[in-house]
Every structure is written in C-alpha cells, then in structure tokens.
Protein backbone atom coordinates (compact mmCIF):
# COMPACT_ATOMS: atom_id res chain seq x y z
CA MET A 1 -5.78 -17.40 -18.76
CA HIS A 2 -7.68 -19.47 -15.85
CA LEU A 3 -6.85 -19.12 -12.27
CA ARG A 4 -5.66 -22.75 -11.91
CA ASP A 5 -3.03 -21.83 -15.04
CA PHE A 6 -2.10 -18.58 -13.14
CA MET A 7 -1.61 -20.43 -9.59
CA LYS A 8 0.51 -23.26 -11.63
CA SER A 9 2.98 -20.76 -13.13
CA GLY A 10 3.97 -19.57 -9.61
CA HIS A 11 4.33 -20.78 -6.18
CA PRO A 12 0.65 -20.25 -4.73
CA GLY A 13 1.89 -20.68 -1.10
CA THR A 14 4.40 -17.96 -1.18
CA LEU A 15 1.86 -15.76 -2.74
CA PHE A 16 -0.82 -15.98 -0.02
CA THR A 17 1.48 -15.54 2.70
CA ALA A 18 3.11 -12.46 1.21
CA LEU A 19 -0.44 -11.33 1.11
CA LEU A 20 -1.34 -12.23 4.53
CA TYR A 21 2.30 -10.62 5.65
CA PHE A 22 1.20 -7.45 3.90
CA ASP A 23 -2.50 -7.08 5.09
CA PHE A 24 -1.89 -7.51 8.82
CA CYS A 25 1.27 -5.07 8.73
CA PHE A 26 -1.13 -2.82 6.82
CA ALA A 27 -3.57 -3.18 9.41
CA VAL A 28 -0.89 -2.27 12.10
CA TRP A 29 0.45 0.83 10.10
CA VAL A 30 -3.21 2.72 10.28
CA LEU A 31 -4.11 1.56 13.56
CA ASN A 32 -3.61 4.66 15.05
CA SER A 33 -5.89 6.47 12.19
CA ALA A 34 -8.23 3.96 13.12
CA LEU A 35 -7.99 5.20 17.18
CA ALA A 36 -8.05 8.65 15.95
CA PRO A 37 -11.25 9.78 17.34
CA TYR A 38 -10.76 8.03 20.66
CA ILE A 39 -6.82 9.45 20.90
CA SER A 40 -8.13 12.82 20.34
CA ASP A 41 -10.67 13.11 22.57
CA GLU A 42 -8.52 11.56 25.57
CA PHE A 43 -5.98 14.22 25.15
CA GLY A 44 -7.77 17.19 23.27
CA LEU A 45 -5.64 17.38 20.05
CA THR A 46 -6.38 20.19 17.80
CA PRO A 47 -7.22 19.42 14.09
CA GLU A 48 -3.23 19.93 13.11
CA GLN A 49 -2.07 17.74 15.99
CA LYS A 50 -4.51 15.11 14.82
CA GLY A 51 -3.03 15.58 11.18
CA PHE A 52 0.53 15.08 12.66
CA MET A 53 -0.23 12.13 14.80
CA THR A 54 -1.73 10.06 11.93
CA SER A 55 1.15 11.33 9.38
CA VAL A 56 4.15 9.79 11.59
CA PRO A 57 3.03 6.33 11.39
CA VAL A 58 2.81 6.65 7.46
CA TRP A 59 6.05 8.71 7.03
CA ALA A 60 7.90 5.97 9.33
CA GLY A 61 6.88 3.44 7.46
CA ALA A 62 7.91 5.42 4.28
CA LEU A 63 11.33 5.79 5.47
CA MET A 64 11.96 2.16 6.28
CA ARG A 65 10.59 0.89 2.86
CA PHE A 66 13.91 1.56 0.98
CA PRO A 67 16.25 -0.02 3.79
CA LEU A 68 14.84 -2.85 4.28
CA GLY A 69 14.14 -3.41 0.56
CA VAL A 70 18.12 -3.38 0.28
CA LEU A 71 18.20 -5.78 3.14
CA ALA A 72 16.13 -8.25 1.56
CA GLN A 73 18.48 -8.23 -1.37
CA TYR A 74 20.96 -9.49 0.96
CA ILE A 75 19.10 -11.78 3.77
CA GLY A 76 16.31 -12.56 1.51
CA ARG A 77 12.78 -11.07 1.56
CA LYS A 78 11.54 -14.36 3.52
CA ASN A 79 13.84 -13.56 6.44
CA ALA A 80 13.56 -9.68 5.86
CA ALA A 81 9.91 -10.14 6.52
CA GLN A 82 10.13 -12.13 9.71
CA ILE A 83 12.23 -9.60 11.03
CA ASN A 84 10.12 -6.73 10.12
CA MET A 85 6.86 -8.79 11.95
CA ALA A 86 9.13 -9.31 15.01
CA ILE A 87 9.71 -5.70 15.75
CA LEU A 88 6.16 -5.48 15.19
CA VAL A 89 5.12 -7.85 17.93
CA ILE A 90 7.72 -6.32 20.37
CA GLY A 91 6.09 -2.61 19.48
CA LEU A 92 2.37 -3.72 19.77
CA LEU A 93 3.01 -5.24 23.13
CA SER A 94 4.62 -2.08 24.31
CA GLY A 95 1.71 -0.24 23.33
CA TYR A 96 -0.54 -0.34 26.21
CA PHE A 97 2.17 1.29 28.34
CA LEU A 98 3.73 3.96 25.52
CA ALA A 99 0.09 5.32 24.98
CA GLY A 100 -0.46 7.05 28.13
CA SER A 101 0.49 10.64 26.65
CA PHE A 102 0.29 12.12 23.25
CA GLY A 103 4.04 12.06 23.30
CA GLY A 104 3.92 8.58 23.81
CA VAL A 105 1.18 8.13 20.85
CA ILE A 106 3.99 9.83 18.47
CA VAL A 107 6.68 7.52 19.51
CA LEU A 108 4.50 4.62 19.29
CA GLY A 109 3.25 5.79 16.01
CA ALA A 110 7.07 5.54 14.61
CA ILE A 111 7.89 2.37 15.80
CA LEU A 112 4.41 0.74 14.39
CA GLY A 113 4.87 2.69 11.45
CA VAL A 114 7.96 -0.01 10.65
CA ALA A 115 4.92 -2.12 9.53
CA GLY A 116 4.55 0.23 6.34
CA ALA A 117 7.97 -1.08 5.32
CA SER A 118 6.65 -4.19 4.38
CA PHE A 119 5.18 -3.30 0.95
CA GLY A 120 8.08 -3.89 -1.32
CA VAL A 121 9.22 -6.69 0.23
CA ALA A 122 5.61 -8.42 0.37
CA LEU A 123 5.03 -7.71 -3.53
CA SER A 124 8.62 -8.86 -4.56
CA LEU A 125 8.00 -12.23 -2.38
CA GLY A 126 4.56 -12.87 -3.67
CA SER A 127 5.38 -12.26 -7.19
CA GLY A 128 9.11 -13.61 -7.51
CA TRP A 129 8.47 -16.93 -8.91
CA PHE A 130 5.66 -15.62 -11.40
CA PRO A 131 6.71 -15.16 -15.07
CA PRO A 132 6.67 -11.74 -16.41
CA GLN A 133 3.30 -11.88 -18.22
CA ASN A 134 1.73 -12.83 -14.72
CA LYS A 135 3.49 -10.31 -12.33
CA GLY A 136 1.13 -7.88 -12.68
CA LEU A 137 -1.41 -10.18 -11.31
CA ALA A 138 0.50 -11.59 -8.71
CA MET A 139 1.80 -8.14 -7.75
CA GLY A 140 -1.80 -7.02 -7.58
CA ILE A 141 -2.92 -9.90 -5.60
CA ALA A 142 0.03 -9.70 -2.84
CA GLY A 143 -0.72 -5.72 -3.02
CA ALA A 144 -4.16 -6.20 -2.25
CA GLY A 145 -2.74 -6.62 1.36
CA ASN A 146 -3.62 -2.80 1.65
CA SER A 147 -7.25 -4.23 2.39
CA GLY A 148 -5.69 -4.42 5.92
CA ALA A 149 -6.56 -0.87 6.43
CA VAL A 150 -10.51 -2.33 6.58
CA LEU A 151 -9.51 -4.77 9.37
CA ALA A 152 -8.14 -1.33 11.48
CA VAL A 153 -11.31 0.75 11.03
CA LEU A 154 -13.62 -2.28 11.15
CA PHE A 155 -12.31 -3.80 14.56
CA ALA A 156 -10.45 -1.37 16.01
CA PRO A 157 -13.22 1.37 17.12
CA PRO A 158 -15.74 -1.50 18.87
CA LEU A 159 -12.47 -3.04 20.48
CA ALA A 160 -11.49 0.36 21.65
CA LYS A 161 -15.16 0.65 23.11
CA ALA A 162 -15.18 -2.55 24.86
CA TYR A 163 -11.72 -2.69 26.08
CA GLY A 164 -10.07 0.48 26.28
CA TRP A 165 -8.13 1.95 23.26
CA GLN A 166 -4.50 1.34 24.73
CA SER A 167 -5.62 -2.85 24.87
CA VAL A 168 -6.13 -2.73 21.34
CA TYR A 169 -1.99 -2.53 20.61
CA ALA A 170 -1.30 -5.66 22.47
CA LEU A 171 -4.65 -7.33 20.73
CA THR A 172 -3.28 -6.67 17.41
CA ALA A 173 -0.12 -8.12 18.07
CA VAL A 174 -1.85 -11.70 17.84
CA PRO A 175 -2.66 -11.54 13.71
CA ILE A 176 1.07 -10.62 13.28
CA LEU A 177 2.08 -13.79 15.22
CA LEU A 178 -0.08 -16.14 12.92
CA ALA A 179 1.28 -13.99 9.62
CA MET A 180 4.91 -14.92 11.09
CA ALA A 181 3.74 -18.58 11.37
CA ALA A 182 2.52 -19.15 8.17
CA MET A 183 5.28 -17.48 6.01
CA GLN A 184 7.88 -19.80 8.44
CA ILE A 185 5.55 -23.21 7.06
CA PHE A 186 4.63 -21.81 3.61
CA ALA A 187 6.72 -19.18 1.93
CA LYS A 188 9.76 -20.16 -0.06
CA GLU A 189 12.20 -17.69 -1.29
CA PRO A 190 12.02 -17.09 -5.09
CA PRO A 191 15.19 -17.02 -7.24
CA ASP A 192 15.16 -13.94 -8.91
CA LEU A 193 17.10 -11.54 -6.69
CA GLU A 194 20.78 -10.64 -8.44
CA GLN A 195 23.24 -9.93 -5.67
CA LYS A 196 25.08 -6.60 -6.11
CA LYS A 197 26.98 -4.30 -4.60
CA PHE A 198 25.45 -1.63 -2.25
CA SER A 199 26.47 1.19 -4.62
CA ASP A 200 24.60 -0.59 -7.45
CA TYR A 201 21.22 -0.56 -5.39
CA LEU A 202 21.75 3.07 -4.33
CA LYS A 203 22.03 3.87 -7.95
CA ILE A 204 18.09 3.59 -8.41
CA LEU A 205 18.03 6.62 -6.12
CA VAL A 206 18.89 8.86 -9.23
CA ASP A 207 17.26 6.70 -11.88
CA ARG A 208 14.95 8.89 -13.87
CA ASP A 209 12.63 6.09 -14.83
CA ALA A 210 12.27 5.31 -10.87
CA TRP A 211 11.41 9.16 -10.14
CA VAL A 212 8.65 9.04 -12.92
CA PHE A 213 7.04 5.71 -11.09
CA ASN A 214 7.95 7.90 -7.73
CA LEU A 215 5.26 10.77 -8.95
CA LEU A 216 2.58 7.74 -10.43
CA TYR A 217 2.37 5.86 -6.89
CA MET A 218 2.41 9.87 -5.04
CA VAL A 219 -0.78 10.14 -6.61
CA THR A 220 -2.22 6.22 -6.52
CA PHE A 221 -0.70 5.25 -3.51
CA GLY A 222 0.07 8.27 -1.70
CA GLY A 223 -3.16 9.44 -2.33
CA TYR A 224 -4.63 6.03 -1.00
CA ILE A 225 -2.78 5.85 2.17
CA GLY A 226 -3.18 9.26 3.01
CA LEU A 227 -7.12 9.53 2.57
CA THR A 228 -7.37 5.94 4.39
CA SER A 229 -5.20 7.58 7.40
CA PHE A 230 -7.90 10.65 7.46
CA LEU A 231 -11.23 8.86 7.01
CA PRO A 232 -12.06 8.39 10.31
CA THR A 233 -11.41 11.92 11.23
CA LEU A 234 -13.20 13.15 8.24
CA PHE A 235 -16.16 11.38 8.85
CA HIS A 236 -16.14 12.11 12.39
CA ASP A 237 -15.21 15.79 12.30
CA GLN A 238 -17.03 16.67 8.84
CA TYR A 239 -20.37 14.55 9.68
CA GLY A 240 -20.60 14.21 13.33
CA ILE A 241 -20.26 10.13 12.84
CA ALA A 242 -20.09 8.38 16.12
CA LYS A 243 -16.85 6.83 16.77
CA GLU A 244 -17.66 3.29 16.75
CA ASP A 245 -19.55 3.51 13.58
CA ILE A 246 -16.86 5.08 11.47
CA GLY A 247 -16.10 1.94 10.11
CA LYS A 248 -19.68 1.46 8.46
CA TYR A 249 -18.86 4.37 6.46
CA SER A 250 -15.21 3.96 5.36
CA ALA A 251 -14.86 -0.22 5.09
CA GLY A 252 -16.24 -0.04 1.64
CA ILE A 253 -14.23 2.88 0.38
CA ILE A 254 -11.14 0.78 1.47
CA VAL A 255 -12.43 -2.43 0.54
CA MET A 256 -12.85 -1.23 -3.37
CA ALA A 257 -9.30 0.27 -3.69
CA SER A 258 -8.01 -3.07 -2.25
CA VAL A 259 -10.35 -5.32 -4.74
CA LEU A 260 -9.44 -3.13 -7.85
CA ARG A 261 -5.80 -3.56 -6.98
CA VAL A 262 -5.88 -6.94 -8.16
CA LEU A 263 -7.97 -6.16 -11.47
CA GLY A 264 -5.77 -3.10 -12.23
CA GLY A 265 -3.06 -5.69 -12.33
CA PHE A 266 -4.76 -8.18 -14.04
CA LEU A 267 -5.81 -5.81 -16.95
CA ALA A 268 -2.46 -4.32 -16.98
CA ASP A 269 -1.09 -7.81 -17.87
CA ARG A 270 -3.94 -7.83 -20.54
CA ILE A 271 -4.05 -4.57 -22.23
CA GLY A 272 -0.97 -2.74 -20.78
CA GLY A 273 -0.20 -0.86 -17.47
CA LEU A 274 0.24 2.56 -19.48
CA ARG A 275 -2.90 2.52 -21.01
CA ILE A 276 -4.50 1.85 -17.57
CA LEU A 277 -2.60 4.91 -16.13
CA LEU A 278 -3.97 7.59 -18.78
CA VAL A 279 -7.34 6.38 -18.06
CA LEU A 280 -7.69 6.00 -14.14
CA SER A 281 -5.19 9.50 -13.57
CA GLY A 282 -8.17 11.25 -15.24
CA ILE A 283 -10.48 9.78 -12.91
CA ILE A 284 -8.61 10.60 -9.84
CA ILE A 285 -8.48 14.46 -10.97
CA ALA A 286 -12.17 14.14 -11.47
CA THR A 287 -13.03 12.54 -8.01
CA THR A 288 -10.63 14.61 -6.10
CA ALA A 289 -12.35 17.58 -7.47
CA THR A 290 -15.44 16.40 -6.66
CA ALA A 291 -14.52 15.35 -3.15
CA ALA A 292 -13.40 19.01 -2.59
CA LEU A 293 -16.99 20.36 -2.66
CA LEU A 294 -17.50 18.35 0.38
CA PRO A 295 -21.25 17.15 -0.25
CA ALA A 296 -23.47 17.63 2.88
CA ASN A 297 -24.40 14.07 2.44
CA PRO A 298 -21.90 11.89 4.04
CA TRP A 299 -23.18 8.96 1.59
CA MET A 300 -22.56 11.16 -1.34
CA MET A 301 -19.14 11.68 -0.17
CA VAL A 302 -18.78 7.76 0.42
CA ALA A 303 -20.27 7.21 -3.59
CA ILE A 304 -17.33 9.66 -4.27
CA LEU A 305 -14.58 8.05 -2.38
CA VAL A 306 -15.40 4.74 -3.42
CA VAL A 307 -14.96 5.66 -7.25
CA CYS A 308 -11.74 7.79 -6.15
CA PHE A 309 -10.24 4.69 -4.45
CA SER A 310 -11.14 2.29 -6.86
CA ALA A 311 -8.93 4.48 -9.36
CA MET A 312 -5.88 4.92 -6.94
CA GLY A 313 -6.15 0.94 -6.41
CA ALA A 314 -6.04 -0.15 -9.89
CA GLY A 315 -3.31 2.50 -10.37
CA ASN A 316 -1.63 1.01 -7.75
CA GLY A 317 -1.87 -2.44 -9.82
CA ALA A 318 -0.93 -1.21 -12.93
CA VAL A 319 2.41 0.91 -11.76
CA PHE A 320 3.43 -2.26 -10.14
CA GLN A 321 2.52 -4.29 -13.25
CA LEU A 322 5.61 -2.25 -14.57
CA VAL A 323 8.22 -2.02 -11.97
CA PRO A 324 9.41 -5.48 -12.38
CA LEU A 325 9.41 -5.08 -16.24
CA ARG A 326 11.53 -2.17 -15.91
CA PHE A 327 13.57 -3.29 -12.85
CA LYS A 328 13.81 -7.29 -13.20
CA SER A 329 16.53 -8.14 -10.66
CA THR A 330 16.07 -5.36 -8.15
CA THR A 331 12.39 -5.39 -7.93
CA ALA A 332 12.24 -5.44 -4.09
CA VAL A 333 14.56 -2.31 -4.08
CA ALA A 334 13.00 -0.33 -6.54
CA GLY A 335 9.48 -1.41 -5.20
CA SER A 336 10.24 -0.34 -1.77
CA LEU A 337 12.09 2.99 -3.12
CA ILE A 338 8.80 3.84 -4.92
CA GLY A 339 6.45 2.80 -2.22
CA GLU A 340 8.68 4.90 0.24
CA VAL A 341 8.26 7.91 -1.84
CA GLY A 342 4.74 7.50 -2.10
CA ALA A 343 3.81 6.93 1.06
CA LEU A 344 6.13 9.70 2.19
CA ALA A 345 3.89 12.08 -0.34
CA GLY A 346 0.86 10.51 1.45
CA GLY A 347 1.70 11.34 4.87
CA PHE A 348 1.62 14.76 4.12
CA LEU A 349 -2.26 14.67 3.05
CA PRO A 350 -3.52 14.52 6.57
CA ILE A 351 -1.33 17.46 7.76
CA THR A 352 -2.65 19.26 4.70
CA MET A 353 -6.52 18.68 5.52
CA GLY A 354 -5.92 19.45 9.41
CA TYR A 355 -4.23 23.04 8.28
CA SER A 356 -6.84 23.45 5.35
CA LEU A 357 -9.56 23.35 8.24
CA LYS A 358 -7.38 25.49 10.54
CA TRP A 359 -7.13 28.22 7.80
CA THR A 360 -9.75 28.28 5.46
CA GLY A 361 -12.75 26.08 7.78
CA SER A 362 -13.00 23.22 5.35
CA PHE A 363 -11.06 20.52 4.11
CA SER A 364 -11.44 21.45 0.73
CA THR A 365 -7.76 22.24 -0.08
CA GLY A 366 -6.60 18.79 0.83
CA PHE A 367 -8.57 16.90 -1.87
CA LEU A 368 -7.69 19.88 -4.33
CA THR A 369 -3.64 19.20 -3.63
CA GLY A 370 -4.45 15.50 -4.74
CA THR A 371 -6.17 16.64 -7.94
CA PHE A 372 -3.35 18.72 -8.90
CA LEU A 373 -0.56 16.14 -8.04
CA ALA A 374 -2.63 13.90 -10.40
CA ILE A 375 -2.74 16.54 -13.38
CA ALA A 376 1.15 16.44 -12.94
CA ALA A 377 1.22 12.61 -12.91
CA LEU A 378 -0.83 12.61 -16.29
CA VAL A 379 1.40 15.35 -18.01
CA VAL A 380 4.19 13.21 -17.33
CA LEU A 381 3.20 10.23 -17.95
CA SER A 382 2.25 11.31 -21.40
CA ILE A 383 5.61 12.22 -22.41
CA MET A 384 7.29 9.14 -21.07
CA ILE A 385 5.10 6.74 -23.07
CA ARG A 386 6.79 6.94 -26.51
CA GLU A 387 10.35 6.39 -25.06
CA TRP A 388 9.51 3.46 -22.52
CA THR A 389 7.62 1.69 -25.58
CA GLY A 390 9.56 -0.46 -27.30
CA GLN A 391 12.66 0.04 -25.40
CA TRP A 392 11.54 -2.21 -22.40
CA VAL A 393 7.99 -2.67 -22.58
CA GLY A 394 5.51 -3.54 -25.32
CA ALA A 395 2.62 -1.51 -26.77
CA GLY A 396 0.31 -0.05 -23.94
CA GLY A 397 2.67 -1.33 -21.46
CA LYS A 398 2.31 -4.83 -21.93
CA ALA A 399 5.33 -7.28 -20.98
CA ILE A 400 7.42 -8.33 -23.47
CA ALA A 401 7.53 -12.22 -23.74
CA ALA A 402 10.52 -13.63 -21.68
CA PRO A 403 11.75 -16.65 -20.90
CA PRO A 404 9.63 -18.43 -17.73
CA VAL A 405 11.41 -18.57 -14.32
CA ASN A 406 12.37 -22.25 -12.99
CA VAL A 407 10.12 -23.08 -10.04
CA PRO A 408 10.54 -25.94 -7.31
CA ASP A 409 8.61 -29.02 -8.12
CA GLU A 410 7.18 -29.38 -4.78
CA GLY A 411 4.26 -26.96 -3.86
CA SER A 412 2.52 -25.33 -1.15
CA LEU A 413 -1.41 -25.63 -0.23
CA GLY A 414 -1.88 -28.63 -2.57
CA PHE A 415 -0.56 -26.86 -5.55
CA SER A 416 1.95 -28.38 -7.72
CA PRO A 417 3.40 -25.03 -9.39
CA ARG A 418 4.92 -25.27 -13.19
CA VAL A 419 5.71 -22.73 -15.30
CA GLN A 420 3.71 -22.39 -18.21
CA PRO A 421 5.13 -19.63 -21.25
CA VAL A 422 2.09 -17.27 -21.64
CA GLU A 423 2.40 -15.46 -24.41
CA ALA A 424 2.56 -11.17 -23.99
C-alpha cells in the first residue's frame, strides 16, 4: 500500500497530533534521566540512589496508564490527552522550585511521570480512524513518539550547562503547550470507543491474553524505557563521557528504536506480528547477553545497543499491531494496561543496574536480567501462537479482513480521508 492510500484510509490530523503528544510527553518522562549526571553531582548520589531517581518517573507514569486509559473511554481520548498535558505544564513550571533537594527531585519525578501515562491514549487516538489492516502502521507511527527521549538526551544537558539544570523544567513546558494547541486544532475523536460498565473494563486485568501481551511488552518496551533511562548514567559512569556529550552516544540508539517501531508495525501488518516477535525475541536475547560483557570501547557498546534497541522498537510495533485486533473496542484500556505493566518492569531496570554495580562492581547483571526475561517471553509466545491463530488473528499474526471504519468527510492538514478496503 502507498503512503497516500494509507493516509486516505484514516485521519492524518489526528495521527499527527497523537504522535506530537506522545513525543513531547516522552521527553518529559525521561527528563530526570537526561539530567541525572547533573543532579547526581549536585547532591552526591550513590549508584542505587541514581537508579531509584530515574525509576520514579517510570513507575509513576506506568501506574497512571491504566486509570488514564479508563478515563479516556468515558470522556474521549482527545479530552484525556489535554488534561494529561495540562497537569504536566503545571508540574514543569513548578519544577524550578521543587528541585532544590534530592527529596524534591523525587516528588517532581512522580509528578512528571504522569507524562508516561500518555502512551495508551496516544496510540488509541492516533490509530482509531484506521481499518484493522492498517492499524499496525498507524500504531507504529503514533508510538514513534518514544523518540521524545532523543529530544531529552540531546537538548537537556546543553541547556542545563547554559542555564542551570533546574531551569530546564520550565523551558520544557513550551513544547507541551504547542502540542496542546495542535491537538485542539487538528485532532478529531475517533468513533471506535464502546461505552461499557467500569466492571467490564476491569475484566481486562484478569484476561490471560492481556498478560501474555504484558510479558512481551516487558521485554520490548520495558527493556527500552529501562535502558533509555539508564543510558546517561551508563555512559557517564562506565565510560567517563562528559555530561554535556552524553547525547552524542545515546541519541542514535534511541532514534533506531523509534524508527524501527514504525517499521515493526508496518511489517506486522504485512507478514504478521507473531512471526516478527519470534525473530526479534532471539535478537534481544543475543544482544542483551553481549552487552553484559561490557565492551571497553564505548562505541562498541553503542553498536550493540543500536541493534538491541532496534529489535525492541520493532517489537513494540509488532505487539501493538496485535493488541487492537484482540481488544477491538477497548484498545485504549487494554493498551494502557499493557503499557503500564511493561513500563513498571522497565522501572526496575535502573535499580537493578545500580545494585549490580554496588554488589558486583559492574552493570552486567542488569543486562542479563533482560536476557532471561526475553527467554521467558519467547517460550510463552511459542506456546500461544497455535491457540491464537484462527481464533482472533490470521496466519503469523496478520489481521483477519473486517469492514472498514467510517471516517468523516472533512480531513485535517490538507487530506480528505476515505476508507479504502485492504485485503489482509
């Protein structure tokens, strides 16, 4: 399918603003991680304190994902996203005053962690206008907003050096305000929500398939956000990279995960998310085990992590090609739950790294934790493929053909969306 046909099958304005929303929120979510070397020097933090500090925003965002997803089912994803961003603006503007102590940074991290709750809402909003055969690519494009981590690691350290690290919080409120304005102008609420009782949404918490997806997402996204949060500390403490130069080593790694997320969703639409995940799990196992060897050259570590992050990013896209096929009318809630558990797992990785250094003198154990988790995911996925195929998904994880979604005649950003039936 050509890009033009893809865009006509959905609503480009909504997809674009969902991407922008998630991108800037993701930058806020990992802001303390990008500033970690400055904060550590300011307060003289131990390795385990640094790990805890970078984990707090991840945990806070993870815990808020499911509640925000449920709220979005009742008030709409566009409204939920605007409320989410308004809270962030208030938190960022108060950041300069809260960041005067380590305890204040922890409190601020919990407030800014709300940015991580944007995940399920952004992906469901961005893909809501698109037919099942194109949802993987739409999810991948919206999910590419995890590239916001690149913005944080590239711009936060130089801004911290120029204006002081506490000032970076207030400066970061500007892009969030821009995202709010763009969403208000260009986004339209998709029609794919189904109003249910609150108790019906809670059933997802005990759905077995949802927990299989949780495990897969622990590996792909949990590994991604956990390592992304720890990259500044890894390159500064392990390789002695200057604080303002860390972005040069980290940015390429993070970019590959974002780019490959789109490709992962596209390939999952074409050849099946289940097939993709089997291959990618093997790559993640191999690369995390290799990274545990801690090569002496920092660029060698960069090369290993580029491959690892690429597999994780593509895996994120593949997982969320499958989620809306399994949970058709509750994608926002299911996606928020899966994203929540995945992010919670990622929050433990920086702490594991910190204690690994304290107890063993190296970060190897933290990487091996990811290796063992990826092995478990590969085993479970291999068991579930036979049961899922034909029940709610086609061969290899491709979508089973379904009637298209009705899309409004008027489009945004110069497009006039129309649904074009696409064969699976």
